[in-house]
Amino acid sequence: MPQLTEGRYETMQIDNDLNVRVWSSEKGHFVDLNEISGGTYNQVMLAIRLALSQALITSSLCGVECLILDEPFAFFDAQRTQKTLEILPQVSHEIEQMWIIAQRFDDSSPFALHLSCSRDSEVLISPAGEYEALEEG
């Protein structure tokens, strides 16, 4: 979480009722989520998803895994999205691949492969070429 929040929040507490509080370096104590900004709230929620994913990977004993993130940056501004994209590859040595699904991405995003699709097409567009989409049925 410190990497995602630029060091402002270090750790979290989740109680038996699943209430989440985060440690504020600035305030020197745990704060409720309603005390942080909306952007930081979204970063904390992503940190929770990543922590839960890591716990599942660790408990599975299956070695390296992949992670699928569906719209993790839906409410991030461009700066938060860019910084998070830089941090994600360092989240875990056990996560070999990350698939990030999003409505939009800047074409300069640092992905190994960028697939693009449209409701008006049955073709996936990639810098490496075009691939026919699987038809339903």
N, C-alpha and C. Protein backbone atom coordinates (compact mmCIF):
# COMPACT_ATOMS: atom_id res chain seq x y z
N MET A 1 0.80 -1.20 0.00
CA MET A 1 0.00 0.00 0.00
C MET A 1 0.85 1.27 0.00
N PRO A 2 2.00 1.30 0.67
CA PRO A 2 2.77 2.55 0.63
C PRO A 2 3.16 2.96 -0.78
N GLN A 3 3.48 1.97 -1.65
CA GLN A 3 3.86 2.31 -3.02
C GLN A 3 2.68 2.91 -3.78
N LEU A 4 1.49 2.39 -3.55
CA LEU A 4 0.32 2.89 -4.26
C LEU A 4 -0.12 4.27 -3.78
N THR A 5 0.16 4.60 -2.52
CA THR A 5 -0.30 5.87 -1.96
C THR A 5 0.84 6.86 -1.73
N GLU A 6 1.97 6.63 -2.40
CA GLU A 6 3.14 7.51 -2.28
C GLU A 6 3.58 7.69 -0.83
N GLY A 7 3.47 6.62 -0.03
CA GLY A 7 3.93 6.63 1.35
C GLY A 7 3.00 7.28 2.36
N ARG A 8 1.86 7.81 1.92
CA ARG A 8 0.95 8.47 2.86
C ARG A 8 0.26 7.48 3.80
N TYR A 9 0.02 6.27 3.29
CA TYR A 9 -0.65 5.25 4.10
C TYR A 9 0.18 3.98 4.03
N GLU A 10 0.48 3.41 5.22
CA GLU A 10 1.46 2.34 5.29
C GLU A 10 0.87 0.94 5.40
N THR A 11 -0.17 0.80 6.14
CA THR A 11 -0.74 -0.51 6.40
C THR A 11 -2.23 -0.37 6.65
N MET A 12 -2.92 -1.50 6.70
CA MET A 12 -4.36 -1.43 6.95
C MET A 12 -4.76 -2.41 8.04
N GLN A 13 -5.88 -2.13 8.65
CA GLN A 13 -6.51 -3.01 9.61
C GLN A 13 -7.86 -3.39 9.05
N ILE A 14 -8.18 -4.68 9.10
CA ILE A 14 -9.51 -5.12 8.70
C ILE A 14 -10.07 -5.90 9.89
N ASP A 15 -11.16 -5.40 10.47
CA ASP A 15 -11.70 -6.06 11.65
C ASP A 15 -12.64 -7.21 11.27
N ASN A 16 -13.22 -7.86 12.26
CA ASN A 16 -14.09 -9.01 12.03
C ASN A 16 -15.34 -8.68 11.23
N ASP A 17 -15.74 -7.41 11.24
CA ASP A 17 -16.90 -6.97 10.45
C ASP A 17 -16.49 -6.45 9.08
N LEU A 18 -15.23 -6.65 8.72
CA LEU A 18 -14.63 -6.22 7.45
C LEU A 18 -14.58 -4.70 7.29
N ASN A 19 -14.55 -3.98 8.40
CA ASN A 19 -14.30 -2.54 8.36
C ASN A 19 -12.81 -2.32 8.16
N VAL A 20 -12.47 -1.43 7.24
CA VAL A 20 -11.07 -1.19 6.90
C VAL A 20 -10.65 0.17 7.45
N ARG A 21 -9.49 0.19 8.08
CA ARG A 21 -8.85 1.43 8.52
C ARG A 21 -7.41 1.40 8.01
N VAL A 22 -6.86 2.56 7.72
CA VAL A 22 -5.49 2.63 7.22
C VAL A 22 -4.63 3.51 8.13
N TRP A 23 -3.35 3.14 8.25
CA TRP A 23 -2.42 3.90 9.06
C TRP A 23 -1.95 5.12 8.28
N SER A 24 -2.20 6.29 8.86
CA SER A 24 -1.78 7.55 8.25
C SER A 24 -0.45 7.98 8.83
N SER A 25 0.58 8.06 7.99
CA SER A 25 1.89 8.52 8.45
C SER A 25 1.80 9.96 8.95
N GLU A 26 1.01 10.74 8.26
CA GLU A 26 0.86 12.16 8.61
C GLU A 26 0.19 12.35 9.96
N LYS A 27 -0.88 11.59 10.22
CA LYS A 27 -1.63 11.75 11.47
C LYS A 27 -1.09 10.90 12.61
N GLY A 28 -0.34 9.84 12.28
CA GLY A 28 0.25 9.01 13.32
C GLY A 28 -0.73 8.04 13.96
N HIS A 29 -1.83 7.74 13.28
CA HIS A 29 -2.79 6.76 13.79
C HIS A 29 -3.63 6.21 12.64
N PHE A 30 -4.43 5.18 12.94
CA PHE A 30 -5.31 4.61 11.92
C PHE A 30 -6.49 5.55 11.68
N VAL A 31 -6.89 5.66 10.41
CA VAL A 31 -8.03 6.50 10.04
C VAL A 31 -9.05 5.65 9.31
N ASP A 32 -10.31 6.05 9.42
CA ASP A 32 -11.37 5.38 8.68
C ASP A 32 -11.29 5.80 7.21
N LEU A 33 -11.85 4.96 6.34
CA LEU A 33 -11.79 5.25 4.91
C LEU A 33 -12.56 6.52 4.53
N ASN A 34 -13.54 6.92 5.33
CA ASN A 34 -14.26 8.16 5.02
C ASN A 34 -13.43 9.41 5.31
N GLU A 35 -12.23 9.23 5.88
CA GLU A 35 -11.35 10.35 6.19
C GLU A 35 -10.29 10.59 5.10
N ILE A 36 -10.29 9.76 4.06
CA ILE A 36 -9.30 9.91 3.00
C ILE A 36 -9.98 10.37 1.71
N SER A 37 -9.21 10.88 0.79
CA SER A 37 -9.78 11.38 -0.47
C SER A 37 -10.31 10.23 -1.31
N GLY A 38 -11.16 10.55 -2.26
CA GLY A 38 -11.73 9.55 -3.16
C GLY A 38 -10.68 8.82 -3.97
N GLY A 39 -9.67 9.55 -4.45
CA GLY A 39 -8.61 8.93 -5.24
C GLY A 39 -7.78 7.97 -4.40
N THR A 40 -7.48 8.38 -3.17
CA THR A 40 -6.72 7.52 -2.27
C THR A 40 -7.56 6.31 -1.87
N TYR A 41 -8.84 6.52 -1.67
CA TYR A 41 -9.75 5.40 -1.36
C TYR A 41 -9.65 4.32 -2.45
N ASN A 42 -9.66 4.74 -3.71
CA ASN A 42 -9.54 3.79 -4.82
C ASN A 42 -8.19 3.09 -4.82
N GLN A 43 -7.13 3.80 -4.46
CA GLN A 43 -5.81 3.17 -4.35
C GLN A 43 -5.80 2.13 -3.23
N VAL A 44 -6.43 2.43 -2.11
CA VAL A 44 -6.51 1.49 -0.99
C VAL A 44 -7.31 0.26 -1.41
N MET A 45 -8.40 0.45 -2.13
CA MET A 45 -9.20 -0.70 -2.57
C MET A 45 -8.40 -1.60 -3.53
N LEU A 46 -7.58 -0.99 -4.39
CA LEU A 46 -6.71 -1.78 -5.25
C LEU A 46 -5.67 -2.52 -4.41
N ALA A 47 -5.12 -1.87 -3.40
CA ALA A 47 -4.16 -2.52 -2.51
C ALA A 47 -4.79 -3.72 -1.81
N ILE A 48 -6.05 -3.61 -1.42
CA ILE A 48 -6.75 -4.73 -0.79
C ILE A 48 -6.91 -5.87 -1.78
N ARG A 49 -7.31 -5.56 -3.02
CA ARG A 49 -7.45 -6.61 -4.04
C ARG A 49 -6.11 -7.31 -4.29
N LEU A 50 -5.05 -6.54 -4.35
CA LEU A 50 -3.73 -7.13 -4.58
C LEU A 50 -3.29 -7.98 -3.39
N ALA A 51 -3.56 -7.52 -2.17
CA ALA A 51 -3.20 -8.29 -0.98
C ALA A 51 -3.98 -9.60 -0.92
N LEU A 52 -5.27 -9.56 -1.24
CA LEU A 52 -6.07 -10.79 -1.25
C LEU A 52 -5.58 -11.74 -2.33
N SER A 53 -5.23 -11.21 -3.49
CA SER A 53 -4.68 -12.04 -4.57
C SER A 53 -3.39 -12.70 -4.12
N GLN A 54 -2.52 -11.94 -3.48
CA GLN A 54 -1.25 -12.50 -3.00
C GLN A 54 -1.49 -13.59 -1.97
N ALA A 55 -2.45 -13.38 -1.08
CA ALA A 55 -2.75 -14.39 -0.06
C ALA A 55 -3.25 -15.68 -0.72
N LEU A 56 -4.08 -15.55 -1.74
CA LEU A 56 -4.56 -16.74 -2.46
C LEU A 56 -3.42 -17.46 -3.18
N ILE A 57 -2.55 -16.70 -3.81
CA ILE A 57 -1.40 -17.29 -4.51
C ILE A 57 -0.50 -18.02 -3.53
N THR A 58 -0.21 -17.38 -2.41
CA THR A 58 0.67 -17.98 -1.41
C THR A 58 0.08 -19.27 -0.85
N SER A 59 -1.23 -19.28 -0.63
CA SER A 59 -1.86 -20.46 -0.03
C SER A 59 -2.09 -21.58 -1.04
N SER A 60 -2.01 -21.28 -2.34
CA SER A 60 -2.31 -22.30 -3.34
C SER A 60 -1.14 -23.25 -3.60
N LEU A 61 0.07 -22.83 -3.30
CA LEU A 61 1.27 -23.66 -3.51
C LEU A 61 1.43 -24.10 -4.96
N CYS A 62 0.93 -23.32 -5.90
CA CYS A 62 1.00 -23.69 -7.32
C CYS A 62 2.11 -22.95 -8.05
N GLY A 63 2.92 -22.19 -7.37
CA GLY A 63 3.98 -21.46 -8.05
C GLY A 63 3.50 -20.14 -8.60
N VAL A 64 4.10 -19.73 -9.71
CA VAL A 64 3.75 -18.43 -10.29
C VAL A 64 2.33 -18.46 -10.87
N GLU A 65 1.71 -17.33 -10.85
CA GLU A 65 0.32 -17.20 -11.30
C GLU A 65 0.17 -15.98 -12.19
N CYS A 66 -1.03 -15.84 -12.73
CA CYS A 66 -1.38 -14.61 -13.44
C CYS A 66 -2.49 -13.92 -12.65
N LEU A 67 -2.66 -12.66 -12.90
CA LEU A 67 -3.65 -11.86 -12.20
C LEU A 67 -4.46 -11.10 -13.24
N ILE A 68 -5.77 -11.14 -13.11
CA ILE A 68 -6.65 -10.40 -14.01
C ILE A 68 -7.29 -9.27 -13.21
N LEU A 69 -7.05 -8.05 -13.63
CA LEU A 69 -7.62 -6.87 -12.98
C LEU A 69 -8.63 -6.25 -13.93
N ASP A 70 -9.88 -6.24 -13.51
CA ASP A 70 -10.95 -5.68 -14.33
C ASP A 70 -11.24 -4.25 -13.89
N GLU A 71 -10.90 -3.31 -14.75
CA GLU A 71 -11.11 -1.88 -14.52
C GLU A 71 -10.50 -1.39 -13.20
N PRO A 72 -9.23 -1.69 -12.94
CA PRO A 72 -8.64 -1.25 -11.68
C PRO A 72 -8.43 0.27 -11.60
N PHE A 73 -8.42 0.94 -12.75
CA PHE A 73 -8.15 2.37 -12.78
C PHE A 73 -9.37 3.20 -13.18
N ALA A 74 -10.55 2.62 -13.06
CA ALA A 74 -11.77 3.30 -13.53
C ALA A 74 -11.93 4.69 -12.93
N PHE A 75 -11.52 4.87 -11.69
CA PHE A 75 -11.71 6.16 -11.03
C PHE A 75 -10.39 6.84 -10.69
N PHE A 76 -9.30 6.39 -11.32
CA PHE A 76 -8.00 7.01 -11.10
C PHE A 76 -7.82 8.15 -12.09
N ASP A 77 -7.10 9.18 -11.67
CA ASP A 77 -6.72 10.20 -12.64
C ASP A 77 -5.50 9.68 -13.41
N ALA A 78 -5.09 10.39 -14.44
CA ALA A 78 -4.01 9.93 -15.31
C ALA A 78 -2.70 9.74 -14.55
N GLN A 79 -2.40 10.63 -13.62
CA GLN A 79 -1.15 10.54 -12.85
C GLN A 79 -1.15 9.29 -11.96
N ARG A 80 -2.26 9.03 -11.26
CA ARG A 80 -2.34 7.84 -10.41
C ARG A 80 -2.26 6.56 -11.24
N THR A 81 -2.91 6.58 -12.40
CA THR A 81 -2.86 5.40 -13.28
C THR A 81 -1.42 5.13 -13.70
N GLN A 82 -0.71 6.15 -14.15
CA GLN A 82 0.67 5.98 -14.62
C GLN A 82 1.57 5.47 -13.51
N LYS A 83 1.47 6.05 -12.32
CA LYS A 83 2.32 5.62 -11.21
C LYS A 83 2.01 4.18 -10.80
N THR A 84 0.74 3.82 -10.82
CA THR A 84 0.35 2.46 -10.46
C THR A 84 0.85 1.47 -11.50
N LEU A 85 0.79 1.82 -12.77
CA LEU A 85 1.32 0.95 -13.82
C LEU A 85 2.82 0.71 -13.64
N GLU A 86 3.53 1.69 -13.14
CA GLU A 86 4.96 1.53 -12.89
C GLU A 86 5.21 0.60 -11.70
N ILE A 87 4.31 0.61 -10.73
CA ILE A 87 4.47 -0.16 -9.50
C ILE A 87 4.01 -1.61 -9.66
N LEU A 88 2.97 -1.86 -10.42
CA LEU A 88 2.38 -3.20 -10.51
C LEU A 88 3.36 -4.33 -10.81
N PRO A 89 4.32 -4.16 -11.72
CA PRO A 89 5.24 -5.28 -11.98
C PRO A 89 6.09 -5.67 -10.76
N GLN A 90 6.17 -4.79 -9.77
CA GLN A 90 6.98 -5.05 -8.58
C GLN A 90 6.15 -5.59 -7.41
N VAL A 91 4.87 -5.77 -7.60
CA VAL A 91 3.98 -6.17 -6.51
C VAL A 91 4.34 -7.54 -5.95
N SER A 92 4.62 -8.50 -6.81
CA SER A 92 4.89 -9.85 -6.36
C SER A 92 5.75 -10.59 -7.37
N HIS A 93 6.69 -11.37 -6.85
CA HIS A 93 7.51 -12.22 -7.72
C HIS A 93 6.73 -13.44 -8.17
N GLU A 94 5.62 -13.71 -7.50
CA GLU A 94 4.82 -14.88 -7.83
C GLU A 94 3.77 -14.60 -8.90
N ILE A 95 3.62 -13.35 -9.28
CA ILE A 95 2.68 -12.98 -10.34
C ILE A 95 3.49 -12.78 -11.62
N GLU A 96 3.37 -13.74 -12.52
CA GLU A 96 4.16 -13.71 -13.74
C GLU A 96 3.52 -12.85 -14.83
N GLN A 97 2.20 -12.83 -14.87
CA GLN A 97 1.48 -12.04 -15.87
C GLN A 97 0.34 -11.29 -15.20
N MET A 98 0.07 -10.10 -15.73
CA MET A 98 -1.11 -9.34 -15.32
C MET A 98 -1.89 -8.98 -16.56
N TRP A 99 -3.15 -9.29 -16.53
CA TRP A 99 -4.07 -8.89 -17.58
C TRP A 99 -4.90 -7.75 -17.01
N ILE A 100 -4.85 -6.61 -17.66
CA ILE A 100 -5.59 -5.44 -17.19
C ILE A 100 -6.65 -5.11 -18.22
N ILE A 101 -7.88 -5.15 -17.79
CA ILE A 101 -9.02 -4.86 -18.67
C ILE A 101 -9.48 -3.45 -18.37
N ALA A 102 -9.63 -2.65 -19.41
CA ALA A 102 -10.01 -1.26 -19.22
C ALA A 102 -10.76 -0.74 -20.44
N GLN A 103 -11.57 0.27 -20.21
CA GLN A 103 -12.28 0.92 -21.30
C GLN A 103 -11.30 1.63 -22.22
N ARG A 104 -10.29 2.27 -21.60
CA ARG A 104 -9.31 3.05 -22.37
C ARG A 104 -7.94 2.96 -21.72
N PHE A 105 -6.93 3.00 -22.57
CA PHE A 105 -5.55 3.12 -22.12
C PHE A 105 -4.82 3.99 -23.10
N ASP A 106 -3.89 4.74 -22.58
CA ASP A 106 -3.01 5.53 -23.42
C ASP A 106 -2.16 4.56 -24.24
N ASP A 107 -2.02 4.82 -25.52
CA ASP A 107 -1.24 3.92 -26.39
C ASP A 107 0.22 3.81 -25.97
N SER A 108 0.70 4.73 -25.14
CA SER A 108 2.09 4.67 -24.69
C SER A 108 2.24 3.87 -23.39
N SER A 109 1.17 3.20 -22.95
CA SER A 109 1.25 2.40 -21.73
C SER A 109 2.28 1.29 -21.90
N PRO A 110 2.99 0.96 -20.82
CA PRO A 110 4.12 0.03 -20.91
C PRO A 110 3.71 -1.45 -20.87
N PHE A 111 2.84 -1.87 -21.77
CA PHE A 111 2.39 -3.25 -21.79
C PHE A 111 3.17 -4.05 -22.81
N ALA A 112 3.37 -5.34 -22.49
CA ALA A 112 4.03 -6.23 -23.45
C ALA A 112 3.14 -6.46 -24.65
N LEU A 113 1.85 -6.48 -24.44
CA LEU A 113 0.89 -6.69 -25.52
C LEU A 113 -0.36 -5.88 -25.22
N HIS A 114 -0.86 -5.21 -26.22
CA HIS A 114 -2.06 -4.38 -26.07
C HIS A 114 -3.07 -4.87 -27.08
N LEU A 115 -4.18 -5.43 -26.59
CA LEU A 115 -5.26 -5.88 -27.46
C LEU A 115 -6.39 -4.87 -27.38
N SER A 116 -6.97 -4.58 -28.50
CA SER A 116 -8.05 -3.61 -28.56
C SER A 116 -9.24 -4.25 -29.27
N CYS A 117 -10.42 -4.03 -28.73
CA CYS A 117 -11.60 -4.59 -29.38
C CYS A 117 -12.72 -3.55 -29.42
N SER A 118 -13.68 -3.81 -30.26
CA SER A 118 -14.80 -2.91 -30.46
C SER A 118 -16.07 -3.73 -30.62
N ARG A 119 -17.18 -3.18 -30.21
CA ARG A 119 -18.47 -3.86 -30.40
C ARG A 119 -18.81 -3.98 -31.88
N ASP A 120 -18.21 -3.14 -32.69
CA ASP A 120 -18.50 -3.12 -34.12
C ASP A 120 -17.62 -4.04 -34.94
N SER A 121 -16.77 -4.83 -34.26
CA SER A 121 -15.82 -5.66 -34.98
C SER A 121 -15.71 -7.04 -34.35
N GLU A 122 -15.36 -8.02 -35.16
CA GLU A 122 -15.11 -9.37 -34.66
C GLU A 122 -13.62 -9.68 -34.69
N VAL A 123 -12.79 -8.62 -34.68
CA VAL A 123 -11.35 -8.76 -34.79
C VAL A 123 -10.70 -8.08 -33.59
N LEU A 124 -9.73 -8.77 -32.96
CA LEU A 124 -8.91 -8.15 -31.92
C LEU A 124 -7.73 -7.49 -32.60
N ILE A 125 -7.46 -6.25 -32.25
CA ILE A 125 -6.37 -5.50 -32.85
C ILE A 125 -5.17 -5.52 -31.90
N SER A 126 -4.02 -5.85 -32.42
CA SER A 126 -2.79 -5.89 -31.64
C SER A 126 -1.67 -5.33 -32.50
N PRO A 127 -0.64 -4.76 -31.89
CA PRO A 127 0.50 -4.28 -32.68
C PRO A 127 1.14 -5.40 -33.50
N ALA A 128 1.00 -6.63 -33.03
CA ALA A 128 1.61 -7.77 -33.73
C ALA A 128 0.74 -8.24 -34.89
N GLY A 129 -0.47 -7.74 -35.00
CA GLY A 129 -1.35 -8.16 -36.08
C GLY A 129 -2.78 -8.30 -35.60
N GLU A 130 -3.62 -8.82 -36.44
CA GLU A 130 -5.02 -8.98 -36.10
C GLU A 130 -5.34 -10.45 -35.88
N TYR A 131 -6.24 -10.72 -34.93
CA TYR A 131 -6.66 -12.07 -34.61
C TYR A 131 -8.16 -12.11 -34.61
N GLU A 132 -8.75 -13.09 -35.28
CA GLU A 132 -10.19 -13.20 -35.31
C GLU A 132 -10.71 -13.57 -33.93
N ALA A 133 -11.74 -12.90 -33.51
CA ALA A 133 -12.34 -13.19 -32.20
C ALA A 133 -13.15 -14.48 -32.29
N LEU A 134 -13.24 -15.16 -31.15
CA LEU A 134 -14.07 -16.36 -31.13
C LEU A 134 -15.53 -15.96 -31.14
N GLU A 135 -16.30 -16.59 -32.02
CA GLU A 135 -17.70 -16.27 -32.09
C GLU A 135 -18.46 -17.07 -31.03
N GLU A 136 -19.52 -16.45 -30.50
CA GLU A 136 -20.33 -17.13 -29.51
C GLU A 136 -21.14 -18.23 -30.18
N GLY A 137 -21.46 -19.26 -29.39
CA GLY A 137 -22.33 -20.32 -29.92
C GLY A 137 -21.61 -21.51 -30.18
